[in-house]
Amino acid sequence: MIRPIRDNVLVKAFELDNISEGGIIVPDSCKKPSQKVKVVATGNGTAKEPMRLKSGDICFRIKDCGTEVEINGEKHFIVKQAWIFALN
């Protein structure tokens, strides 16, 4: 398992539906990852930025931020804690 360091957070995006709101089927090649994510692991934080998130938190990240990594065939992102802008 990947363990983030400092103020980094490992998150997993929720799957989006294959059908748009208008009823159009969206192929996997055109789907963008959801901004709604689940925290998988966190770093320890820093002196200036203590870690406020914990594993299992559901939150929203800034669009198109972070580094994409694949773990066991699933898409995850490593993002800065500051790039998480809301808890659910």
N, C-alpha and C. Protein backbone atom coordinates (compact mmCIF):
# COMPACT_ATOMS: atom_id res chain seq x y z
N MET A 1 0.85 -1.18 0.00
CA MET A 1 0.00 0.00 0.00
C MET A 1 0.89 1.24 0.00
N ILE A 2 0.44 2.24 -0.68
CA ILE A 2 1.16 3.51 -0.73
C ILE A 2 0.85 4.30 0.54
N ARG A 3 1.89 4.84 1.18
CA ARG A 3 1.72 5.69 2.36
C ARG A 3 2.16 7.10 2.01
N PRO A 4 1.26 8.06 1.96
CA PRO A 4 1.64 9.44 1.68
C PRO A 4 2.50 10.01 2.80
N ILE A 5 3.29 11.03 2.48
CA ILE A 5 4.10 11.70 3.48
C ILE A 5 3.66 13.16 3.59
N ARG A 6 4.09 13.82 4.66
CA ARG A 6 3.78 15.22 4.97
C ARG A 6 2.28 15.50 4.85
N ASP A 7 1.89 16.50 4.05
CA ASP A 7 0.48 16.89 3.96
C ASP A 7 -0.20 16.32 2.71
N ASN A 8 0.29 15.17 2.24
CA ASN A 8 -0.31 14.51 1.08
C ASN A 8 -1.36 13.51 1.53
N VAL A 9 -2.33 13.27 0.64
CA VAL A 9 -3.46 12.39 0.93
C VAL A 9 -3.67 11.47 -0.26
N LEU A 10 -3.89 10.18 -0.01
CA LEU A 10 -4.22 9.22 -1.06
C LEU A 10 -5.74 9.08 -1.07
N VAL A 11 -6.36 9.36 -2.23
CA VAL A 11 -7.81 9.30 -2.35
C VAL A 11 -8.21 8.42 -3.52
N LYS A 12 -9.41 7.89 -3.46
CA LYS A 12 -9.98 7.09 -4.54
C LYS A 12 -11.25 7.76 -5.01
N ALA A 13 -11.34 8.00 -6.31
CA ALA A 13 -12.52 8.66 -6.88
C ALA A 13 -13.69 7.69 -6.95
N PHE A 14 -14.89 8.20 -6.73
CA PHE A 14 -16.09 7.40 -6.89
C PHE A 14 -16.35 7.21 -8.38
N GLU A 15 -16.96 6.10 -8.73
CA GLU A 15 -17.28 5.80 -10.13
C GLU A 15 -18.46 6.67 -10.59
N LEU A 16 -18.36 7.16 -11.81
CA LEU A 16 -19.47 7.91 -12.41
C LEU A 16 -20.37 6.95 -13.17
N ASP A 17 -21.62 7.34 -13.34
CA ASP A 17 -22.57 6.53 -14.10
C ASP A 17 -22.18 6.51 -15.57
N ASN A 18 -22.57 5.43 -16.27
CA ASN A 18 -22.30 5.31 -17.70
C ASN A 18 -23.32 6.08 -18.54
N ILE A 19 -24.37 6.58 -17.91
CA ILE A 19 -25.41 7.32 -18.65
C ILE A 19 -25.47 8.74 -18.10
N SER A 20 -25.41 9.72 -19.01
CA SER A 20 -25.45 11.13 -18.60
C SER A 20 -26.86 11.50 -18.16
N GLU A 21 -27.00 12.70 -17.62
CA GLU A 21 -28.32 13.17 -17.18
C GLU A 21 -29.30 13.25 -18.33
N GLY A 22 -28.80 13.47 -19.55
CA GLY A 22 -29.66 13.56 -20.72
C GLY A 22 -29.96 12.21 -21.35
N GLY A 23 -29.40 11.12 -20.78
CA GLY A 23 -29.69 9.79 -21.29
C GLY A 23 -28.67 9.27 -22.30
N ILE A 24 -27.58 10.00 -22.50
CA ILE A 24 -26.56 9.57 -23.45
C ILE A 24 -25.60 8.61 -22.76
N ILE A 25 -25.28 7.49 -23.42
CA ILE A 25 -24.34 6.53 -22.87
C ILE A 25 -22.93 7.06 -23.08
N VAL A 26 -22.15 7.17 -22.00
CA VAL A 26 -20.80 7.71 -22.05
C VAL A 26 -19.81 6.56 -22.02
N PRO A 27 -18.97 6.41 -23.07
CA PRO A 27 -17.98 5.33 -23.06
C PRO A 27 -16.90 5.59 -22.02
N ASP A 28 -16.26 4.51 -21.54
CA ASP A 28 -15.22 4.62 -20.52
C ASP A 28 -14.08 5.54 -20.95
N SER A 29 -13.77 5.56 -22.24
CA SER A 29 -12.66 6.38 -22.73
C SER A 29 -12.93 7.88 -22.60
N CYS A 30 -14.19 8.27 -22.44
CA CYS A 30 -14.54 9.69 -22.34
C CYS A 30 -14.87 10.12 -20.91
N LYS A 31 -14.92 9.17 -19.99
CA LYS A 31 -15.30 9.51 -18.62
C LYS A 31 -14.13 10.16 -17.89
N LYS A 32 -14.44 11.21 -17.16
CA LYS A 32 -13.46 11.88 -16.30
C LYS A 32 -13.68 11.38 -14.88
N PRO A 33 -12.62 11.32 -14.06
CA PRO A 33 -12.82 10.89 -12.68
C PRO A 33 -13.69 11.87 -11.90
N SER A 34 -14.45 11.34 -10.97
CA SER A 34 -15.32 12.16 -10.14
C SER A 34 -14.48 13.04 -9.21
N GLN A 35 -15.01 14.19 -8.86
CA GLN A 35 -14.35 15.06 -7.89
C GLN A 35 -14.68 14.62 -6.47
N LYS A 36 -15.70 13.78 -6.32
CA LYS A 36 -16.05 13.22 -5.01
C LYS A 36 -15.13 12.03 -4.77
N VAL A 37 -14.40 12.06 -3.65
CA VAL A 37 -13.39 11.05 -3.38
C VAL A 37 -13.50 10.53 -1.95
N LYS A 38 -12.91 9.38 -1.72
CA LYS A 38 -12.81 8.80 -0.38
C LYS A 38 -11.34 8.75 0.01
N VAL A 39 -11.02 9.22 1.20
CA VAL A 39 -9.65 9.22 1.69
C VAL A 39 -9.26 7.79 2.04
N VAL A 40 -8.17 7.32 1.44
CA VAL A 40 -7.67 5.96 1.68
C VAL A 40 -6.56 5.99 2.73
N ALA A 41 -5.64 6.95 2.61
CA ALA A 41 -4.53 7.07 3.55
C ALA A 41 -4.07 8.53 3.59
N THR A 42 -3.46 8.91 4.72
CA THR A 42 -2.98 10.28 4.87
C THR A 42 -1.54 10.30 5.37
N GLY A 43 -0.85 11.40 5.11
CA GLY A 43 0.45 11.63 5.70
C GLY A 43 0.28 12.11 7.13
N ASN A 44 1.38 12.46 7.77
CA ASN A 44 1.33 12.93 9.16
C ASN A 44 1.08 14.42 9.29
N GLY A 45 1.11 15.15 8.17
CA GLY A 45 0.97 16.60 8.22
C GLY A 45 2.34 17.24 8.45
N THR A 46 2.36 18.56 8.57
CA THR A 46 3.58 19.31 8.82
C THR A 46 3.34 20.24 10.01
N ALA A 47 4.40 20.91 10.45
CA ALA A 47 4.25 21.86 11.56
C ALA A 47 3.30 22.99 11.20
N LYS A 48 3.37 23.45 9.94
CA LYS A 48 2.50 24.54 9.48
C LYS A 48 1.12 24.05 9.05
N GLU A 49 1.03 22.80 8.63
CA GLU A 49 -0.23 22.25 8.10
C GLU A 49 -0.52 20.89 8.74
N PRO A 50 -1.11 20.86 9.95
CA PRO A 50 -1.43 19.58 10.58
C PRO A 50 -2.49 18.84 9.76
N MET A 51 -2.45 17.53 9.79
CA MET A 51 -3.40 16.72 9.02
C MET A 51 -4.77 16.76 9.69
N ARG A 52 -5.77 17.22 8.94
CA ARG A 52 -7.13 17.30 9.45
C ARG A 52 -8.02 16.18 8.91
N LEU A 53 -7.58 15.54 7.85
CA LEU A 53 -8.35 14.46 7.24
C LEU A 53 -7.95 13.12 7.84
N LYS A 54 -8.85 12.13 7.72
CA LYS A 54 -8.53 10.79 8.19
C LYS A 54 -9.08 9.77 7.20
N SER A 55 -8.56 8.57 7.25
CA SER A 55 -9.02 7.50 6.36
C SER A 55 -10.52 7.33 6.49
N GLY A 56 -11.18 7.15 5.36
CA GLY A 56 -12.63 6.96 5.35
C GLY A 56 -13.43 8.21 5.12
N ASP A 57 -12.82 9.40 5.26
CA ASP A 57 -13.53 10.66 5.00
C ASP A 57 -13.98 10.72 3.54
N ILE A 58 -15.19 11.21 3.33
CA ILE A 58 -15.70 11.46 1.98
C ILE A 58 -15.59 12.96 1.76
N CYS A 59 -14.95 13.36 0.65
CA CYS A 59 -14.72 14.78 0.43
C CYS A 59 -14.69 15.08 -1.07
N PHE A 60 -14.44 16.34 -1.40
CA PHE A 60 -14.38 16.78 -2.78
C PHE A 60 -13.02 17.42 -3.03
N ARG A 61 -12.40 17.08 -4.15
CA ARG A 61 -11.09 17.62 -4.50
C ARG A 61 -11.22 18.62 -5.64
N ILE A 62 -10.22 19.47 -5.78
CA ILE A 62 -10.19 20.41 -6.89
C ILE A 62 -10.07 19.62 -8.19
N LYS A 63 -10.80 20.03 -9.19
CA LYS A 63 -10.83 19.33 -10.48
C LYS A 63 -9.45 19.25 -11.10
N ASP A 64 -9.11 18.07 -11.62
CA ASP A 64 -7.88 17.80 -12.37
C ASP A 64 -6.60 18.06 -11.58
N CYS A 65 -6.63 17.86 -10.28
CA CYS A 65 -5.42 18.05 -9.48
C CYS A 65 -4.92 16.69 -8.99
N GLY A 66 -3.67 16.65 -8.64
CA GLY A 66 -3.09 15.45 -8.05
C GLY A 66 -2.39 14.56 -9.07
N THR A 67 -1.70 13.58 -8.54
CA THR A 67 -0.99 12.61 -9.36
C THR A 67 -1.77 11.31 -9.36
N GLU A 68 -2.07 10.82 -10.56
CA GLU A 68 -2.84 9.59 -10.68
C GLU A 68 -1.93 8.39 -10.49
N VAL A 69 -2.35 7.44 -9.67
CA VAL A 69 -1.64 6.18 -9.47
C VAL A 69 -2.64 5.04 -9.55
N GLU A 70 -2.17 3.88 -10.01
CA GLU A 70 -3.04 2.72 -10.10
C GLU A 70 -2.63 1.72 -9.03
N ILE A 71 -3.59 1.31 -8.21
CA ILE A 71 -3.36 0.34 -7.15
C ILE A 71 -4.35 -0.80 -7.33
N ASN A 72 -3.83 -1.99 -7.55
CA ASN A 72 -4.67 -3.18 -7.77
C ASN A 72 -5.70 -2.95 -8.87
N GLY A 73 -5.30 -2.27 -9.93
CA GLY A 73 -6.18 -2.04 -11.07
C GLY A 73 -7.19 -0.93 -10.87
N GLU A 74 -7.14 -0.22 -9.74
CA GLU A 74 -8.08 0.87 -9.48
C GLU A 74 -7.36 2.21 -9.49
N LYS A 75 -8.04 3.23 -9.99
CA LYS A 75 -7.47 4.56 -10.10
C LYS A 75 -7.56 5.31 -8.78
N HIS A 76 -6.41 5.81 -8.32
CA HIS A 76 -6.31 6.62 -7.11
C HIS A 76 -5.56 7.90 -7.45
N PHE A 77 -5.60 8.87 -6.54
CA PHE A 77 -4.87 10.13 -6.72
C PHE A 77 -4.14 10.48 -5.43
N ILE A 78 -2.95 11.03 -5.58
CA ILE A 78 -2.24 11.60 -4.45
C ILE A 78 -2.37 13.10 -4.58
N VAL A 79 -2.98 13.74 -3.58
CA VAL A 79 -3.24 15.18 -3.62
C VAL A 79 -2.76 15.83 -2.33
N LYS A 80 -2.52 17.11 -2.38
CA LYS A 80 -2.21 17.89 -1.18
C LYS A 80 -3.50 18.06 -0.37
N GLN A 81 -3.39 18.10 0.93
CA GLN A 81 -4.56 18.32 1.78
C GLN A 81 -5.26 19.64 1.40
N ALA A 82 -4.50 20.64 0.99
CA ALA A 82 -5.07 21.94 0.62
C ALA A 82 -5.95 21.84 -0.64
N TRP A 83 -5.79 20.79 -1.43
CA TRP A 83 -6.58 20.61 -2.65
C TRP A 83 -7.92 19.94 -2.37
N ILE A 84 -8.17 19.56 -1.13
CA ILE A 84 -9.46 19.04 -0.70
C ILE A 84 -10.25 20.24 -0.16
N PHE A 85 -11.38 20.56 -0.78
CA PHE A 85 -12.06 21.80 -0.41
C PHE A 85 -13.38 21.62 0.33
N ALA A 86 -13.85 20.37 0.51
CA ALA A 86 -15.09 20.19 1.26
C ALA A 86 -15.20 18.76 1.74
N LEU A 87 -15.78 18.60 2.91
CA LEU A 87 -16.09 17.27 3.44
C LEU A 87 -17.57 17.01 3.23
N ASN A 88 -17.92 15.75 3.06
CA ASN A 88 -19.31 15.36 2.83
C ASN A 88 -19.88 14.77 4.09
